[in-house]
Amino acid sequence: MGGVDDVDRARAQEYALLATLLSRSPDDRMLGCLALLRGDASPLGAAHAALAEAAAKTDAESVKAEYFDLFDGLGAAGSCPTHPTT
């Protein structure tokens, strides 16, 4: 039985990144780390490059507001239409 191979390790790191970004808005430290991502010619590499570029152009307060609008605000009172009962 061998250890975890490089592909599985990379996959786990991608899922960890996605989980982190979906669980809370990134702070300035996380944005700084994201801005350091490097891409390559693959679709995933292009996504990394785009994420790095976006992270470099924003700040934590702007991301926090957008995160709230996208995720936290969905369940706020009045934001979801009510369905009439029949």
PDB file of N, CA and C in Angstrom:
ATOM      1  N   MET A   1       0.836  -1.178   0.000  1.00  0.00           N
ATOM      2  CA  MET A   1       0.000   0.000   0.000  1.00  0.00           C
ATOM      3  C   MET A   1       0.878   1.237   0.000  1.00  0.00           C
ATOM      4  N   GLY A   2       0.675   2.095  -0.973  1.00  0.00           N
ATOM      5  CA  GLY A   2       1.459   3.312  -1.075  1.00  0.00           C
ATOM      6  C   GLY A   2       0.736   4.485  -0.427  1.00  0.00           C
ATOM      7  N   GLY A   3       1.422   5.593  -0.414  1.00  0.00           N
ATOM      8  CA  GLY A   3       0.848   6.817   0.122  1.00  0.00           C
ATOM      9  C   GLY A   3      -0.034   7.487  -0.912  1.00  0.00           C
ATOM     10  N   VAL A   4      -0.360   8.697  -0.648  1.00  0.00           N
ATOM     11  CA  VAL A   4      -1.202   9.485  -1.548  1.00  0.00           C
ATOM     12  C   VAL A   4      -0.349   9.934  -2.731  1.00  0.00           C
ATOM     13  N   ASP A   5      -0.843   9.728  -3.953  1.00  0.00           N
ATOM     14  CA  ASP A   5      -0.060  10.155  -5.109  1.00  0.00           C
ATOM     15  C   ASP A   5      -0.256  11.650  -5.374  1.00  0.00           C
ATOM     16  N   ASP A   6       0.524  12.175  -6.288  1.00  0.00           N
ATOM     17  CA  ASP A   6       0.511  13.619  -6.555  1.00  0.00           C
ATOM     18  C   ASP A   6      -0.836  14.124  -7.060  1.00  0.00           C
ATOM     19  N   VAL A   7      -1.506  13.321  -7.878  1.00  0.00           N
ATOM     20  CA  VAL A   7      -2.808  13.733  -8.411  1.00  0.00           C
ATOM     21  C   VAL A   7      -3.833  13.823  -7.289  1.00  0.00           C
ATOM     22  N   ASP A   8      -3.868  12.832  -6.424  1.00  0.00           N
ATOM     23  CA  ASP A   8      -4.808  12.859  -5.303  1.00  0.00           C
ATOM     24  C   ASP A   8      -4.485  14.010  -4.343  1.00  0.00           C
ATOM     25  N   ARG A   9      -3.207  14.276  -4.136  1.00  0.00           N
ATOM     26  CA  ARG A   9      -2.798  15.377  -3.268  1.00  0.00           C
ATOM     27  C   ARG A   9      -3.263  16.714  -3.866  1.00  0.00           C
ATOM     28  N   ALA A  10      -3.054  16.896  -5.169  1.00  0.00           N
ATOM     29  CA  ALA A  10      -3.482  18.128  -5.842  1.00  0.00           C
ATOM     30  C   ALA A  10      -5.000  18.275  -5.788  1.00  0.00           C
ATOM     31  N   ARG A  11      -5.706  17.166  -5.984  1.00  0.00           N
ATOM     32  CA  ARG A  11      -7.175  17.199  -5.924  1.00  0.00           C
ATOM     33  C   ARG A  11      -7.640  17.603  -4.525  1.00  0.00           C
ATOM     34  N   ALA A  12      -7.025  17.049  -3.510  1.00  0.00           N
ATOM     35  CA  ALA A  12      -7.387  17.397  -2.131  1.00  0.00           C
ATOM     36  C   ALA A  12      -7.122  18.874  -1.854  1.00  0.00           C
ATOM     37  N   GLN A  13      -6.031  19.401  -2.383  1.00  0.00           N
ATOM     38  CA  GLN A  13      -5.722  20.824  -2.185  1.00  0.00           C
ATOM     39  C   GLN A  13      -6.744  21.708  -2.880  1.00  0.00           C
ATOM     40  N   GLU A  14      -7.187  21.308  -4.066  1.00  0.00           N
ATOM     41  CA  GLU A  14      -8.211  22.085  -4.781  1.00  0.00           C
ATOM     42  C   GLU A  14      -9.524  22.085  -4.005  1.00  0.00           C
ATOM     43  N   TYR A  15      -9.926  20.918  -3.513  1.00  0.00           N
ATOM     44  CA  TYR A  15     -11.162  20.844  -2.731  1.00  0.00           C
ATOM     45  C   TYR A  15     -11.053  21.652  -1.444  1.00  0.00           C
ATOM     46  N   ALA A  16      -9.897  21.638  -0.820  1.00  0.00           N
ATOM     47  CA  ALA A  16      -9.700  22.432   0.398  1.00  0.00           C
ATOM     48  C   ALA A  16      -9.815  23.926   0.088  1.00  0.00           C
ATOM     49  N   LEU A  17      -9.253  24.345  -1.033  1.00  0.00           N
ATOM     50  CA  LEU A  17      -9.365  25.749  -1.434  1.00  0.00           C
ATOM     51  C   LEU A  17     -10.823  26.122  -1.689  1.00  0.00           C
ATOM     52  N   LEU A  18     -11.525  25.297  -2.443  1.00  0.00           N
ATOM     53  CA  LEU A  18     -12.940  25.563  -2.713  1.00  0.00           C
ATOM     54  C   LEU A  18     -13.756  25.605  -1.425  1.00  0.00           C
ATOM     55  N   ALA A  19     -13.511  24.661  -0.531  1.00  0.00           N
ATOM     56  CA  ALA A  19     -14.238  24.626   0.742  1.00  0.00           C
ATOM     57  C   ALA A  19     -13.979  25.893   1.539  1.00  0.00           C
ATOM     58  N   THR A  20     -12.735  26.345   1.563  1.00  0.00           N
ATOM     59  CA  THR A  20     -12.396  27.558   2.295  1.00  0.00           C
ATOM     60  C   THR A  20     -13.104  28.766   1.698  1.00  0.00           C
ATOM     61  N   LEU A  21     -13.070  28.890   0.375  1.00  0.00           N
ATOM     62  CA  LEU A  21     -13.677  30.056  -0.272  1.00  0.00           C
ATOM     63  C   LEU A  21     -15.201  30.043  -0.187  1.00  0.00           C
ATOM     64  N   LEU A  22     -15.799  28.869  -0.094  1.00  0.00           N
ATOM     65  CA  LEU A  22     -17.251  28.792   0.023  1.00  0.00           C
ATOM     66  C   LEU A  22     -17.737  28.923   1.461  1.00  0.00           C
ATOM     67  N   SER A  23     -16.863  28.676   2.426  1.00  0.00           N
ATOM     68  CA  SER A  23     -17.285  28.698   3.828  1.00  0.00           C
ATOM     69  C   SER A  23     -17.243  30.091   4.450  1.00  0.00           C
ATOM     70  N   ARG A  24     -16.429  30.971   3.904  1.00  0.00           N
ATOM     71  CA  ARG A  24     -16.332  32.341   4.443  1.00  0.00           C
ATOM     72  C   ARG A  24     -15.652  33.224   3.405  1.00  0.00           C
ATOM     73  N   SER A  25     -15.871  34.513   3.540  1.00  0.00           N
ATOM     74  CA  SER A  25     -15.205  35.429   2.618  1.00  0.00           C
ATOM     75  C   SER A  25     -13.729  35.539   2.993  1.00  0.00           C
ATOM     76  N   PRO A  26     -12.855  35.626   1.999  1.00  0.00           N
ATOM     77  CA  PRO A  26     -11.428  35.697   2.300  1.00  0.00           C
ATOM     78  C   PRO A  26     -11.041  37.030   2.931  1.00  0.00           C
ATOM     79  N   ASP A  27     -10.128  36.969   3.888  1.00  0.00           N
ATOM     80  CA  ASP A  27      -9.602  38.193   4.496  1.00  0.00           C
ATOM     81  C   ASP A  27      -8.411  38.675   3.661  1.00  0.00           C
ATOM     82  N   ASP A  28      -7.787  39.777   4.095  1.00  0.00           N
ATOM     83  CA  ASP A  28      -6.670  40.333   3.337  1.00  0.00           C
ATOM     84  C   ASP A  28      -5.518  39.345   3.202  1.00  0.00           C
ATOM     85  N   ARG A  29      -5.271  38.570   4.249  1.00  0.00           N
ATOM     86  CA  ARG A  29      -4.181  37.577   4.194  1.00  0.00           C
ATOM     87  C   ARG A  29      -4.468  36.532   3.134  1.00  0.00           C
ATOM     88  N   MET A  30      -5.703  36.010   3.110  1.00  0.00           N
ATOM     89  CA  MET A  30      -6.072  35.010   2.111  1.00  0.00           C
ATOM     90  C   MET A  30      -6.026  35.599   0.703  1.00  0.00           C
ATOM     91  N   LEU A  31      -6.490  36.834   0.554  1.00  0.00           N
ATOM     92  CA  LEU A  31      -6.430  37.470  -0.765  1.00  0.00           C
ATOM     93  C   LEU A  31      -4.982  37.600  -1.233  1.00  0.00           C
ATOM     94  N   GLY A  32      -4.086  37.917  -0.307  1.00  0.00           N
ATOM     95  CA  GLY A  32      -2.674  37.998  -0.655  1.00  0.00           C
ATOM     96  C   GLY A  32      -2.122  36.660  -1.124  1.00  0.00           C
ATOM     97  N   CYS A  33      -2.515  35.598  -0.453  1.00  0.00           N
ATOM     98  CA  CYS A  33      -2.086  34.251  -0.864  1.00  0.00           C
ATOM     99  C   CYS A  33      -2.682  33.882  -2.219  1.00  0.00           C
ATOM    100  N   LEU A  34      -3.956  34.193  -2.419  1.00  0.00           N
ATOM    101  CA  LEU A  34      -4.603  33.891  -3.698  1.00  0.00           C
ATOM    102  C   LEU A  34      -3.945  34.656  -4.840  1.00  0.00           C
ATOM    103  N   ALA A  35      -3.517  35.879  -4.581  1.00  0.00           N
ATOM    104  CA  ALA A  35      -2.868  36.692  -5.611  1.00  0.00           C
ATOM    105  C   ALA A  35      -1.542  36.085  -6.063  1.00  0.00           C
ATOM    106  N   LEU A  36      -0.979  35.189  -5.273  1.00  0.00           N
ATOM    107  CA  LEU A  36       0.283  34.543  -5.613  1.00  0.00           C
ATOM    108  C   LEU A  36       0.113  33.268  -6.438  1.00  0.00           C
ATOM    109  N   LEU A  37      -1.139  32.835  -6.625  1.00  0.00           N
ATOM    110  CA  LEU A  37      -1.371  31.633  -7.428  1.00  0.00           C
ATOM    111  C   LEU A  37      -0.823  31.826  -8.838  1.00  0.00           C
ATOM    112  N   ARG A  38      -0.304  30.766  -9.395  1.00  0.00           N
ATOM    113  CA  ARG A  38       0.200  30.786 -10.764  1.00  0.00           C
ATOM    114  C   ARG A  38      -0.585  29.782 -11.579  1.00  0.00           C
ATOM    115  N   GLY A  39      -0.834  30.131 -12.813  1.00  0.00           N
ATOM    116  CA  GLY A  39      -1.581  29.252 -13.692  1.00  0.00           C
ATOM    117  C   GLY A  39      -0.685  28.632 -14.748  1.00  0.00           C
ATOM    118  N   ASP A  40      -1.312  27.825 -15.575  1.00  0.00           N
ATOM    119  CA  ASP A  40      -0.638  27.247 -16.729  1.00  0.00           C
ATOM    120  C   ASP A  40      -1.664  27.186 -17.861  1.00  0.00           C
ATOM    121  N   ALA A  41      -1.359  26.424 -18.903  1.00  0.00           N
ATOM    122  CA  ALA A  41      -2.226  26.384 -20.080  1.00  0.00           C
ATOM    123  C   ALA A  41      -3.476  25.521 -19.905  1.00  0.00           C
ATOM    124  N   SER A  42      -3.562  24.775 -18.825  1.00  0.00           N
ATOM    125  CA  SER A  42      -4.732  23.918 -18.600  1.00  0.00           C
ATOM    126  C   SER A  42      -5.932  24.758 -18.167  1.00  0.00           C
ATOM    127  N   PRO A  43      -7.133  24.216 -18.285  1.00  0.00           N
ATOM    128  CA  PRO A  43      -8.311  24.956 -17.806  1.00  0.00           C
ATOM    129  C   PRO A  43      -8.209  25.308 -16.320  1.00  0.00           C
ATOM    130  N   LEU A  44      -7.716  24.392 -15.505  1.00  0.00           N
ATOM    131  CA  LEU A  44      -7.551  24.682 -14.081  1.00  0.00           C
ATOM    132  C   LEU A  44      -6.484  25.751 -13.872  1.00  0.00           C
ATOM    133  N   GLY A  45      -5.420  25.686 -14.653  1.00  0.00           N
ATOM    134  CA  GLY A  45      -4.376  26.699 -14.566  1.00  0.00           C
ATOM    135  C   GLY A  45      -4.897  28.076 -14.945  1.00  0.00           C
ATOM    136  N   ALA A  46      -5.756  28.135 -15.964  1.00  0.00           N
ATOM    137  CA  ALA A  46      -6.361  29.407 -16.366  1.00  0.00           C
ATOM    138  C   ALA A  46      -7.269  29.941 -15.262  1.00  0.00           C
ATOM    139  N   ALA A  47      -7.990  29.047 -14.587  1.00  0.00           N
ATOM    140  CA  ALA A  47      -8.843  29.458 -13.470  1.00  0.00           C
ATOM    141  C   ALA A  47      -7.999  29.995 -12.323  1.00  0.00           C
ATOM    142  N   HIS A  48      -6.866  29.358 -12.055  1.00  0.00           N
ATOM    143  CA  HIS A  48      -5.963  29.846 -11.003  1.00  0.00           C
ATOM    144  C   HIS A  48      -5.445  31.236 -11.348  1.00  0.00           C
ATOM    145  N   ALA A  49      -5.056  31.439 -12.596  1.00  0.00           N
ATOM    146  CA  ALA A  49      -4.540  32.745 -13.020  1.00  0.00           C
ATOM    147  C   ALA A  49      -5.619  33.821 -12.890  1.00  0.00           C
ATOM    148  N   ALA A  50      -6.849  33.491 -13.276  1.00  0.00           N
ATOM    149  CA  ALA A  50      -7.948  34.457 -13.161  1.00  0.00           C
ATOM    150  C   ALA A  50      -8.259  34.767 -11.701  1.00  0.00           C
ATOM    151  N   LEU A  51      -8.218  33.746 -10.849  1.00  0.00           N
ATOM    152  CA  LEU A  51      -8.448  33.954  -9.418  1.00  0.00           C
ATOM    153  C   LEU A  51      -7.358  34.837  -8.828  1.00  0.00           C
ATOM    154  N   ALA A  52      -6.110  34.594  -9.210  1.00  0.00           N
ATOM    155  CA  ALA A  52      -4.996  35.409  -8.716  1.00  0.00           C
ATOM    156  C   ALA A  52      -5.151  36.865  -9.143  1.00  0.00           C
ATOM    157  N   GLU A  53      -5.536  37.071 -10.383  1.00  0.00           N
ATOM    158  CA  GLU A  53      -5.716  38.432 -10.895  1.00  0.00           C
ATOM    159  C   GLU A  53      -6.848  39.141 -10.156  1.00  0.00           C
ATOM    160  N   ALA A  54      -7.951  38.450  -9.950  1.00  0.00           N
ATOM    161  CA  ALA A  54      -9.085  39.048  -9.234  1.00  0.00           C
ATOM    162  C   ALA A  54      -8.716  39.359  -7.790  1.00  0.00           C
ATOM    163  N   ALA A  55      -8.001  38.455  -7.138  1.00  0.00           N
ATOM    164  CA  ALA A  55      -7.598  38.662  -5.745  1.00  0.00           C
ATOM    165  C   ALA A  55      -6.675  39.864  -5.616  1.00  0.00           C
ATOM    166  N   ALA A  56      -5.818  40.065  -6.597  1.00  0.00           N
ATOM    167  CA  ALA A  56      -4.870  41.184  -6.565  1.00  0.00           C
ATOM    168  C   ALA A  56      -5.558  42.529  -6.759  1.00  0.00           C
ATOM    169  N   LYS A  57      -6.745  42.522  -7.348  1.00  0.00           N
ATOM    170  CA  LYS A  57      -7.444  43.770  -7.678  1.00  0.00           C
ATOM    171  C   LYS A  57      -8.534  44.151  -6.683  1.00  0.00           C
ATOM    172  N   THR A  58      -8.680  43.412  -5.598  1.00  0.00           N
ATOM    173  CA  THR A  58      -9.784  43.687  -4.674  1.00  0.00           C
ATOM    174  C   THR A  58      -9.266  43.803  -3.247  1.00  0.00           C
ATOM    175  N   ASP A  59     -10.185  44.032  -2.339  1.00  0.00           N
ATOM    176  CA  ASP A  59      -9.840  44.101  -0.920  1.00  0.00           C
ATOM    177  C   ASP A  59     -10.877  43.305  -0.135  1.00  0.00           C
ATOM    178  N   ALA A  60     -10.548  43.013   1.105  1.00  0.00           N
ATOM    179  CA  ALA A  60     -11.396  42.140   1.928  1.00  0.00           C
ATOM    180  C   ALA A  60     -12.792  42.717   2.139  1.00  0.00           C
ATOM    181  N   GLU A  61     -12.902  44.014   2.292  1.00  0.00           N
ATOM    182  CA  GLU A  61     -14.232  44.609   2.529  1.00  0.00           C
ATOM    183  C   GLU A  61     -15.145  44.436   1.317  1.00  0.00           C
ATOM    184  N   SER A  62     -14.609  44.642   0.130  1.00  0.00           N
ATOM    185  CA  SER A  62     -15.409  44.454  -1.085  1.00  0.00           C
ATOM    186  C   SER A  62     -15.831  43.000  -1.245  1.00  0.00           C
ATOM    187  N   VAL A  63     -14.897  42.092  -0.990  1.00  0.00           N
ATOM    188  CA  VAL A  63     -15.199  40.670  -1.109  1.00  0.00           C
ATOM    189  C   VAL A  63     -16.222  40.262  -0.058  1.00  0.00           C
ATOM    190  N   LYS A  64     -16.107  40.806   1.134  1.00  0.00           N
ATOM    191  CA  LYS A  64     -17.054  40.479   2.208  1.00  0.00           C
ATOM    192  C   LYS A  64     -18.472  40.877   1.817  1.00  0.00           C
ATOM    193  N   ALA A  65     -18.620  42.066   1.234  1.00  0.00           N
ATOM    194  CA  ALA A  65     -19.948  42.521   0.801  1.00  0.00           C
ATOM    195  C   ALA A  65     -20.497  41.635  -0.314  1.00  0.00           C
ATOM    196  N   GLU A  66     -19.647  41.293  -1.266  1.00  0.00           N
ATOM    197  CA  GLU A  66     -20.098  40.431  -2.363  1.00  0.00           C
ATOM    198  C   GLU A  66     -20.434  39.033  -1.856  1.00  0.00           C
ATOM    199  N   TYR A  67     -19.616  38.511  -0.961  1.00  0.00           N
ATOM    200  CA  TYR A  67     -19.878  37.188  -0.377  1.00  0.00           C
ATOM    201  C   TYR A  67     -21.235  37.199   0.323  1.00  0.00           C
ATOM    202  N   PHE A  68     -21.501  38.246   1.094  1.00  0.00           N
ATOM    203  CA  PHE A  68     -22.783  38.339   1.793  1.00  0.00           C
ATOM    204  C   PHE A  68     -23.933  38.345   0.782  1.00  0.00           C
ATOM    205  N   ASP A  69     -23.803  39.161  -0.257  1.00  0.00           N
ATOM    206  CA  ASP A  69     -24.861  39.233  -1.266  1.00  0.00           C
ATOM    207  C   ASP A  69     -25.097  37.885  -1.943  1.00  0.00           C
ATOM    208  N   LEU A  70     -24.018  37.147  -2.192  1.00  0.00           N
ATOM    209  CA  LEU A  70     -24.141  35.869  -2.897  1.00  0.00           C
ATOM    210  C   LEU A  70     -24.621  34.728  -2.012  1.00  0.00           C
ATOM    211  N   PHE A  71     -24.140  34.681  -0.766  1.00  0.00           N
ATOM    212  CA  PHE A  71     -24.399  33.512   0.067  1.00  0.00           C
ATOM    213  C   PHE A  71     -25.234  33.814   1.305  1.00  0.00           C
ATOM    214  N   ASP A  72     -24.778  34.698   2.151  1.00  0.00           N
ATOM    215  CA  ASP A  72     -25.479  34.953   3.411  1.00  0.00           C
ATOM    216  C   ASP A  72     -26.806  35.650   3.203  1.00  0.00           C
ATOM    217  N   GLY A  73     -26.876  36.532   2.259  1.00  0.00           N
ATOM    218  CA  GLY A  73     -28.095  37.305   2.040  1.00  0.00           C
ATOM    219  C   GLY A  73     -29.232  36.510   1.451  1.00  0.00           C
ATOM    220  N   LEU A  74     -28.961  35.318   0.950  1.00  0.00           N
ATOM    221  CA  LEU A  74     -30.008  34.525   0.312  1.00  0.00           C
ATOM    222  C   LEU A  74     -31.131  34.137   1.262  1.00  0.00           C
ATOM    223  N   GLY A  75     -30.799  33.896   2.501  1.00  0.00           N
ATOM    224  CA  GLY A  75     -31.807  33.465   3.447  1.00  0.00           C
ATOM    225  C   GLY A  75     -32.393  34.591   4.274  1.00  0.00           C
ATOM    226  N   ALA A  76     -32.006  35.817   3.986  1.00  0.00           N
ATOM    227  CA  ALA A  76     -32.481  36.962   4.769  1.00  0.00           C
ATOM    228  C   ALA A  76     -33.984  37.138   4.580  1.00  0.00           C
ATOM    229  N   ALA A  77     -34.621  37.611   5.609  1.00  0.00           N
ATOM    230  CA  ALA A  77     -36.058  37.837   5.546  1.00  0.00           C
ATOM    231  C   ALA A  77     -36.388  38.779   4.409  1.00  0.00           C
ATOM    232  N   GLY A  78     -37.359  38.420   3.625  1.00  0.00           N
ATOM    233  CA  GLY A  78     -37.799  39.259   2.524  1.00  0.00           C
ATOM    234  C   GLY A  78     -37.048  39.031   1.226  1.00  0.00           C
ATOM    235  N   SER A  79     -35.958  38.272   1.247  1.00  0.00           N
ATOM    236  CA  SER A  79     -35.199  38.081   0.010  1.00  0.00           C
ATOM    237  C   SER A  79     -35.692  36.884  -0.787  1.00  0.00           C
ATOM    238  N   CYS A  80     -36.424  35.987  -0.151  1.00  0.00           N
ATOM    239  CA  CYS A  80     -36.965  34.831  -0.853  1.00  0.00           C
ATOM    240  C   CYS A  80     -38.473  34.996  -0.986  1.00  0.00           C
ATOM    241  N   PRO A  81     -38.966  34.786  -2.188  1.00  0.00           N
ATOM    242  CA  PRO A  81     -40.412  34.920  -2.346  1.00  0.00           C
ATOM    243  C   PRO A  81     -41.141  33.854  -1.552  1.00  0.00           C
ATOM    244  N   THR A  82     -42.272  34.227  -1.043  1.00  0.00           N
ATOM    245  CA  THR A  82     -43.077  33.249  -0.304  1.00  0.00           C
ATOM    246  C   THR A  82     -44.054  32.597  -1.273  1.00  0.00           C
ATOM    247  N   HIS A  83     -44.356  31.377  -0.983  1.00  0.00           N
ATOM    248  CA  HIS A  83     -45.280  30.636  -1.842  1.00  0.00           C
ATOM    249  C   HIS A  83     -46.629  30.556  -1.125  1.00  0.00           C
ATOM    250  N   PRO A  84     -47.688  30.963  -1.806  1.00  0.00           N
ATOM    251  CA  PRO A  84     -49.007  30.886  -1.153  1.00  0.00           C
ATOM    252  C   PRO A  84     -49.402  29.446  -0.927  1.00  0.00           C
ATOM    253  N   THR A  85     -50.051  29.209   0.169  1.00  0.00           N
ATOM    254  CA  THR A  85     -50.547  27.873   0.444  1.00  0.00           C
ATOM    255  C   THR A  85     -51.921  27.722  -0.179  1.00  0.00           C
ATOM    256  N   THR A  86     -52.212  26.541  -0.628  1.00  0.00           N
ATOM    257  CA  THR A  86     -53.534  26.317  -1.251  1.00  0.00           C
ATOM    258  C   THR A  86     -54.348  25.367  -0.435  1.00  0.00           C
TER     259      THR A  86
END
